Amino acid sequence: MSFHKNTLRTTSLAALQTTYLIQIGVGSLGNVILFFHSISPILLGHNRRPTDMILTHMAMANLLVLLSPGIPYTVAAFVSRNPLSSLGCKFVYYIQRVARSTTLCSTCVLSTYQSFTLTPRRAEWVMLRGRAPKVIGPSCCTCWMFSFLMYIIVPLKITGPQNTHNYTDSQGNWFCSSSFPKAGFVYLWSISDATFITLMVWSSGSMVLLLHRHHQSVQYIHTRTGHHKCPPETRAARTILMLVVTFVIFYVLNSTFAFYATALFDFRLWLIQTCDVLVSCFPTISPFLLLLRDSRTPRFCS
């Protein structure tokens, strides 16, 4: 019975390690393509869109989320050693937290901007919509600065790996160890994430209502002509909706596992790696979702 449990545990850990390695490779490739796909119109001035700046920052943040813990963790998982020093642990955890927060903030900026572009052309919205593209760049830079300052306490709570020579123990302090931050910082981080997610849900709900009204208004045209081309704004809005739903799903799953591990002090290796896989899901999926639904992708590839 013990042999079967050990075999099952070893197989599960190997599956998680393999999944994590595939995520790092595939996700990094997708974000590199998205980065050059988005920054090329900015540098060349060809068919530039306001959202290109947001997607460039999202690709950079996604790359950091994947690579900052991915490379040393993969080495530790497959080579069975601790590749990080105390300083390395502080750097990796800090960069990962900053990149995750920037990804959340950038996705919020993207969904909010797309919601503004779909608002009806009323007089009170004309001035706001005209200024929105001008504040995209400063908004993305603000996301980075906000994240750097928000998680400045993280390096102080991280120490080096505690090599207990028992990689399946219940504590699981294989890679890096950390002490629980003060409740004030936890509340601050939770309020920040909740604010961004609320804005994303609000903007997504607004787009759903607008698209539903648009569908109802053009339904008569569909029946008369039999053909109606989807406008670019509607196509972009649907892409952002899919992006937001994907982010919220994986964020809730990861938060659930992280809360369970923290509340019960259960830091087994499989639980840590499951959280790592869930954190990497959105940075892996989002670039391909954005690229496949972008009308400029075939021309960029050619």
Protein backbone atom coordinates (compact mmCIF):
# COMPACT_ATOMS: atom_id res chain seq x y z
CA MET A 1 0.00 0.00 0.00
CA SER A 2 2.85 2.35 0.86
CA PHE A 3 4.56 1.46 -2.42
CA HIS A 4 1.46 2.43 -4.42
CA LYS A 5 1.19 5.74 -2.55
CA ASN A 6 4.84 6.55 -3.23
CA THR A 7 4.44 5.63 -6.90
CA LEU A 8 1.33 7.79 -7.23
CA ARG A 9 3.04 10.71 -5.50
CA THR A 10 6.11 10.40 -7.70
CA THR A 11 3.98 10.22 -10.84
CA SER A 12 1.94 13.26 -9.80
CA LEU A 13 5.06 15.31 -9.06
CA ALA A 14 6.57 14.30 -12.41
CA ALA A 15 3.36 15.33 -14.20
CA LEU A 16 3.34 18.71 -12.45
CA GLN A 17 7.02 19.27 -13.23
CA THR A 18 6.51 18.39 -16.88
CA THR A 19 3.45 20.63 -17.15
CA TYR A 20 5.36 23.50 -15.56
CA LEU A 21 8.29 23.02 -17.95
CA ILE A 22 5.97 23.00 -20.97
CA GLN A 23 4.27 26.16 -19.70
CA ILE A 24 7.60 27.95 -19.39
CA GLY A 25 8.67 27.05 -22.93
CA VAL A 26 5.35 27.56 -24.72
CA GLY A 27 4.35 30.62 -22.72
CA SER A 28 7.72 32.32 -23.16
CA LEU A 29 7.58 31.76 -26.93
CA GLY A 30 4.04 33.15 -27.14
CA ASN A 31 4.88 36.25 -25.11
CA VAL A 32 8.01 36.96 -27.14
CA ILE A 33 5.91 36.81 -30.32
CA LEU A 34 3.24 39.03 -28.73
CA PHE A 35 5.91 41.52 -27.61
CA PHE A 36 7.37 41.96 -31.11
CA HIS A 37 3.90 41.85 -32.66
CA SER A 38 2.80 44.74 -30.45
CA ILE A 39 5.97 46.82 -30.41
CA SER A 40 6.66 46.71 -34.15
CA PRO A 41 3.80 49.12 -35.04
CA ILE A 42 4.99 51.46 -32.25
CA LEU A 43 8.54 51.53 -33.60
CA LEU A 44 7.62 51.62 -37.28
CA GLY A 45 4.45 53.69 -37.01
CA HIS A 46 2.51 51.27 -39.21
CA ASN A 47 -1.17 50.70 -38.37
CA ARG A 48 -0.57 51.62 -34.75
CA ARG A 49 -3.35 51.01 -32.24
CA PRO A 50 -3.66 52.43 -28.71
CA THR A 51 -3.81 48.94 -27.23
CA ASP A 52 -0.39 48.01 -28.64
CA MET A 53 1.29 49.77 -25.73
CA ILE A 54 -0.77 47.80 -23.20
CA LEU A 55 -0.05 44.49 -24.91
CA THR A 56 3.68 45.26 -24.92
CA HIS A 57 3.67 45.77 -21.16
CA MET A 58 1.51 42.67 -20.66
CA ALA A 59 3.96 40.53 -22.65
CA MET A 60 6.90 41.80 -20.58
CA ALA A 61 5.08 41.13 -17.32
CA ASN A 62 4.01 37.65 -18.45
CA LEU A 63 7.60 36.79 -19.39
CA LEU A 64 8.79 37.80 -15.94
CA VAL A 65 6.05 35.75 -14.27
CA LEU A 66 7.15 32.68 -16.23
CA LEU A 67 10.92 33.06 -16.19
CA SER A 68 11.65 34.58 -12.78
CA PRO A 69 10.70 31.47 -10.77
CA GLY A 70 10.46 29.06 -13.70
CA ILE A 71 14.12 28.59 -14.54
CA PRO A 72 15.49 28.05 -10.99
CA TYR A 73 12.46 26.02 -9.93
CA THR A 74 12.81 23.74 -12.94
CA VAL A 75 16.48 23.21 -12.15
CA ALA A 76 15.59 22.40 -8.56
CA ALA A 77 12.83 20.02 -9.59
CA PHE A 78 14.83 18.03 -12.13
CA VAL A 79 18.37 18.25 -10.74
CA SER A 80 17.26 17.80 -7.09
CA ARG A 81 19.29 20.61 -5.66
CA ASN A 82 18.76 24.17 -4.46
CA PRO A 83 20.00 26.57 -7.14
CA LEU A 84 19.05 29.76 -5.28
CA SER A 85 20.89 31.60 -2.57
CA SER A 86 19.16 33.83 -0.04
CA LEU A 87 19.64 36.84 -2.31
CA GLY A 88 18.37 34.86 -5.29
CA CYS A 89 15.23 33.87 -3.41
CA LYS A 90 14.52 37.49 -2.51
CA PHE A 91 15.00 38.61 -6.11
CA VAL A 92 12.90 35.83 -7.65
CA TYR A 93 9.95 36.22 -5.29
CA TYR A 94 9.97 40.00 -5.59
CA ILE A 95 10.09 40.03 -9.39
CA GLN A 96 7.36 37.41 -9.60
CA ARG A 97 5.04 39.35 -7.29
CA VAL A 98 5.69 42.60 -9.15
CA ALA A 99 5.11 40.95 -12.53
CA ARG A 100 1.88 39.26 -11.38
CA SER A 101 0.55 42.55 -10.04
CA THR A 102 1.52 44.35 -13.27
CA THR A 103 -0.24 41.69 -15.33
CA LEU A 104 -3.40 42.21 -13.28
CA CYS A 105 -3.15 45.99 -13.56
CA SER A 106 -2.43 45.90 -17.33
CA THR A 107 -5.35 43.57 -17.97
CA CYS A 108 -7.56 45.95 -16.00
CA VAL A 109 -6.33 48.91 -18.08
CA LEU A 110 -6.96 46.97 -21.29
CA SER A 111 -10.50 45.94 -20.38
CA THR A 112 -11.38 49.42 -19.09
CA TYR A 113 -10.07 51.11 -22.23
CA GLN A 114 -11.95 48.68 -24.46
CA SER A 115 -15.12 49.38 -22.50
CA PHE A 116 -14.67 53.12 -23.13
CA THR A 117 -14.23 52.57 -26.87
CA LEU A 118 -17.60 50.78 -27.04
CA THR A 119 -19.58 53.39 -25.13
CA PRO A 120 -22.28 55.20 -27.10
CA ARG A 121 -21.23 58.47 -28.67
CA ARG A 122 -22.78 60.75 -26.12
CA ALA A 123 -21.55 64.24 -25.44
CA GLU A 124 -20.30 63.48 -21.93
CA TRP A 125 -18.10 60.63 -23.21
CA VAL A 126 -16.54 62.38 -26.21
CA MET A 127 -13.89 64.24 -24.22
CA LEU A 128 -13.02 61.23 -22.09
CA ARG A 129 -12.71 58.92 -25.10
CA GLY A 130 -10.52 61.45 -26.87
CA ARG A 131 -8.07 61.60 -23.97
CA ALA A 132 -8.03 57.87 -23.23
CA PRO A 133 -5.30 56.92 -25.78
CA LYS A 134 -3.00 59.63 -24.40
CA VAL A 135 -3.01 58.18 -20.88
CA ILE A 136 -2.38 54.56 -21.85
CA GLY A 137 1.40 54.87 -21.71
CA PRO A 138 1.45 56.66 -18.32
CA SER A 139 -1.11 54.16 -16.99
CA CYS A 140 1.11 51.19 -17.91
CA CYS A 141 4.16 52.84 -16.31
CA THR A 142 2.06 53.58 -13.22
CA CYS A 143 1.19 49.86 -13.02
CA TRP A 144 4.88 48.99 -12.80
CA MET A 145 5.66 51.67 -10.22
CA PHE A 146 2.61 50.73 -8.17
CA SER A 147 3.64 47.06 -8.16
CA PHE A 148 7.25 47.83 -7.22
CA LEU A 149 6.12 49.89 -4.23
CA MET A 150 3.27 47.59 -3.22
CA TYR A 151 5.49 44.54 -2.74
CA ILE A 152 8.61 46.26 -1.42
CA ILE A 153 8.20 44.29 1.84
CA VAL A 154 8.47 40.88 0.09
CA PRO A 155 12.31 40.63 0.00
CA LEU A 156 12.44 41.23 3.75
CA LYS A 157 10.21 38.20 4.40
CA ILE A 158 12.10 35.76 2.16
CA THR A 159 15.13 33.75 3.23
CA GLY A 160 17.28 31.16 1.50
CA PRO A 161 16.38 27.51 0.94
CA GLN A 162 16.25 25.27 3.96
CA ASN A 163 17.73 22.01 2.75
CA THR A 164 16.30 19.38 5.03
CA HIS A 165 17.40 16.49 2.72
CA ASN A 166 13.79 15.30 2.82
CA TYR A 167 12.01 16.52 -0.30
CA THR A 168 8.67 14.91 0.52
CA ASP A 169 8.24 16.28 4.03
CA SER A 170 5.11 18.14 5.02
CA GLN A 171 6.90 21.47 5.32
CA GLY A 172 8.21 21.37 1.78
CA ASN A 173 10.79 24.12 2.27
CA TRP A 174 12.64 22.91 -0.77
CA PHE A 175 13.12 26.08 -2.76
CA CYS A 176 12.82 29.13 -0.51
CA SER A 177 11.32 29.81 2.88
CA SER A 178 9.29 32.80 3.95
CA SER A 179 7.70 34.27 7.02
CA PHE A 180 4.09 35.43 6.99
CA PRO A 181 3.86 39.22 6.40
CA LYS A 182 1.96 41.53 8.69
CA ALA A 183 -1.81 41.58 8.41
CA GLY A 184 -1.75 45.18 7.18
CA PHE A 185 0.21 44.25 4.07
CA VAL A 186 -2.05 41.25 3.41
CA TYR A 187 -5.12 43.48 3.60
CA LEU A 188 -3.46 46.04 1.34
CA TRP A 189 -2.60 43.43 -1.29
CA SER A 190 -6.08 41.91 -1.08
CA ILE A 191 -7.79 45.31 -1.45
CA SER A 192 -5.56 46.14 -4.42
CA ASP A 193 -6.33 42.88 -6.22
CA ALA A 194 -10.03 43.15 -5.39
CA THR A 195 -10.14 46.70 -6.81
CA PHE A 196 -8.54 45.68 -10.10
CA ILE A 197 -10.73 42.59 -10.45
CA THR A 198 -13.84 44.64 -9.68
CA LEU A 199 -12.92 47.12 -12.41
CA MET A 200 -12.31 44.24 -14.82
CA VAL A 201 -15.66 42.63 -14.01
CA TRP A 202 -17.45 45.99 -14.27
CA SER A 203 -15.92 46.80 -17.66
CA SER A 204 -16.56 43.27 -18.90
CA GLY A 205 -20.18 43.44 -17.78
CA SER A 206 -20.56 46.78 -19.54
CA MET A 207 -19.17 45.29 -22.75
CA VAL A 208 -21.51 42.31 -22.50
CA LEU A 209 -24.53 44.62 -22.22
CA LEU A 210 -23.33 46.82 -25.08
CA LEU A 211 -22.66 43.83 -27.33
CA HIS A 212 -26.08 42.38 -26.50
CA ARG A 213 -27.78 45.67 -27.37
CA HIS A 214 -25.73 45.89 -30.54
CA HIS A 215 -26.77 42.37 -31.50
CA GLN A 216 -30.40 43.21 -30.92
CA SER A 217 -30.16 46.39 -33.00
CA VAL A 218 -28.50 44.71 -36.00
CA GLN A 219 -30.57 41.55 -35.88
CA TYR A 220 -32.95 43.03 -38.44
CA ILE A 221 -30.01 43.77 -40.74
CA HIS A 222 -28.85 40.17 -40.42
CA THR A 223 -32.22 38.84 -41.55
CA ARG A 224 -32.49 41.28 -44.48
CA THR A 225 -28.97 41.03 -45.91
CA GLY A 226 -27.93 37.62 -44.64
CA HIS A 227 -24.38 38.90 -44.08
CA HIS A 228 -22.89 41.24 -41.58
CA LYS A 229 -19.19 41.68 -40.94
CA CYS A 230 -18.17 41.84 -37.30
CA PRO A 231 -16.70 45.31 -36.64
CA PRO A 232 -13.17 45.49 -35.20
CA GLU A 233 -14.40 47.01 -31.94
CA THR A 234 -16.77 44.10 -31.34
CA ARG A 235 -14.10 41.53 -32.19
CA ALA A 236 -11.64 43.20 -29.79
CA ALA A 237 -14.26 43.39 -27.05
CA ARG A 238 -14.96 39.67 -27.32
CA THR A 239 -11.25 38.95 -27.08
CA ILE A 240 -10.95 41.07 -23.93
CA LEU A 241 -13.95 39.30 -22.42
CA MET A 242 -12.31 35.93 -23.01
CA LEU A 243 -9.08 37.30 -21.53
CA VAL A 244 -10.78 38.58 -18.38
CA VAL A 245 -12.74 35.37 -17.82
CA THR A 246 -9.55 33.31 -18.19
CA PHE A 247 -7.69 35.52 -15.74
CA VAL A 248 -10.44 35.46 -13.11
CA ILE A 249 -10.81 31.67 -13.28
CA PHE A 250 -7.11 30.93 -12.74
CA TYR A 251 -6.80 33.71 -10.16
CA VAL A 252 -9.62 32.24 -8.06
CA LEU A 253 -8.17 28.72 -8.33
CA ASN A 254 -4.68 29.85 -7.35
CA SER A 255 -6.01 31.97 -4.48
CA THR A 256 -7.97 28.98 -3.18
CA PHE A 257 -4.91 26.72 -3.13
CA ALA A 258 -2.72 29.46 -1.64
CA PHE A 259 -5.26 30.19 1.10
CA TYR A 260 -5.51 26.50 1.93
CA ALA A 261 -1.71 26.16 2.18
CA THR A 262 -1.34 29.30 4.28
CA ALA A 263 -4.28 28.73 6.61
CA LEU A 264 -3.39 25.10 7.38
CA PHE A 265 0.39 25.54 7.14
CA ASP A 266 0.40 22.77 4.53
CA PHE A 267 3.43 23.36 2.32
CA ARG A 268 3.86 20.00 0.69
CA LEU A 269 5.78 19.95 -2.56
CA TRP A 270 2.84 18.97 -4.76
CA LEU A 271 0.76 21.84 -3.37
CA ILE A 272 3.52 24.36 -4.01
CA GLN A 273 3.99 23.13 -7.57
CA THR A 274 0.23 23.14 -8.19
CA CYS A 275 0.15 26.82 -7.22
CA ASP A 276 3.09 27.47 -9.57
CA VAL A 277 1.28 25.76 -12.44
CA LEU A 278 -1.91 27.78 -11.80
CA VAL A 279 0.06 31.04 -11.64
CA SER A 280 1.65 30.26 -15.00
CA CYS A 281 -1.60 29.32 -16.78
CA PHE A 282 -2.75 32.84 -17.64
CA PRO A 283 0.67 34.10 -18.86
CA THR A 284 0.83 31.00 -21.06
CA ILE A 285 -2.67 31.19 -22.55
CA SER A 286 -3.19 34.95 -22.87
CA PRO A 287 -0.62 35.71 -25.64
CA PHE A 288 -2.03 33.03 -27.93
CA LEU A 289 -5.58 34.19 -27.22
CA LEU A 290 -4.62 37.74 -28.22
CA LEU A 291 -2.61 36.67 -31.26
CA LEU A 292 -5.12 34.21 -32.70
CA ARG A 293 -7.96 36.76 -32.55
CA ASP A 294 -5.91 39.65 -33.95
CA SER A 295 -6.60 40.42 -37.61
CA ARG A 296 -3.01 41.62 -38.08
CA THR A 297 -1.42 38.30 -37.07
CA PRO A 298 -1.33 36.73 -40.59
CA ARG A 299 0.40 39.82 -41.99
CA PHE A 300 2.86 39.88 -39.08
CA CYS A 301 3.74 36.20 -39.61
CA SER A 302 4.20 36.69 -43.34
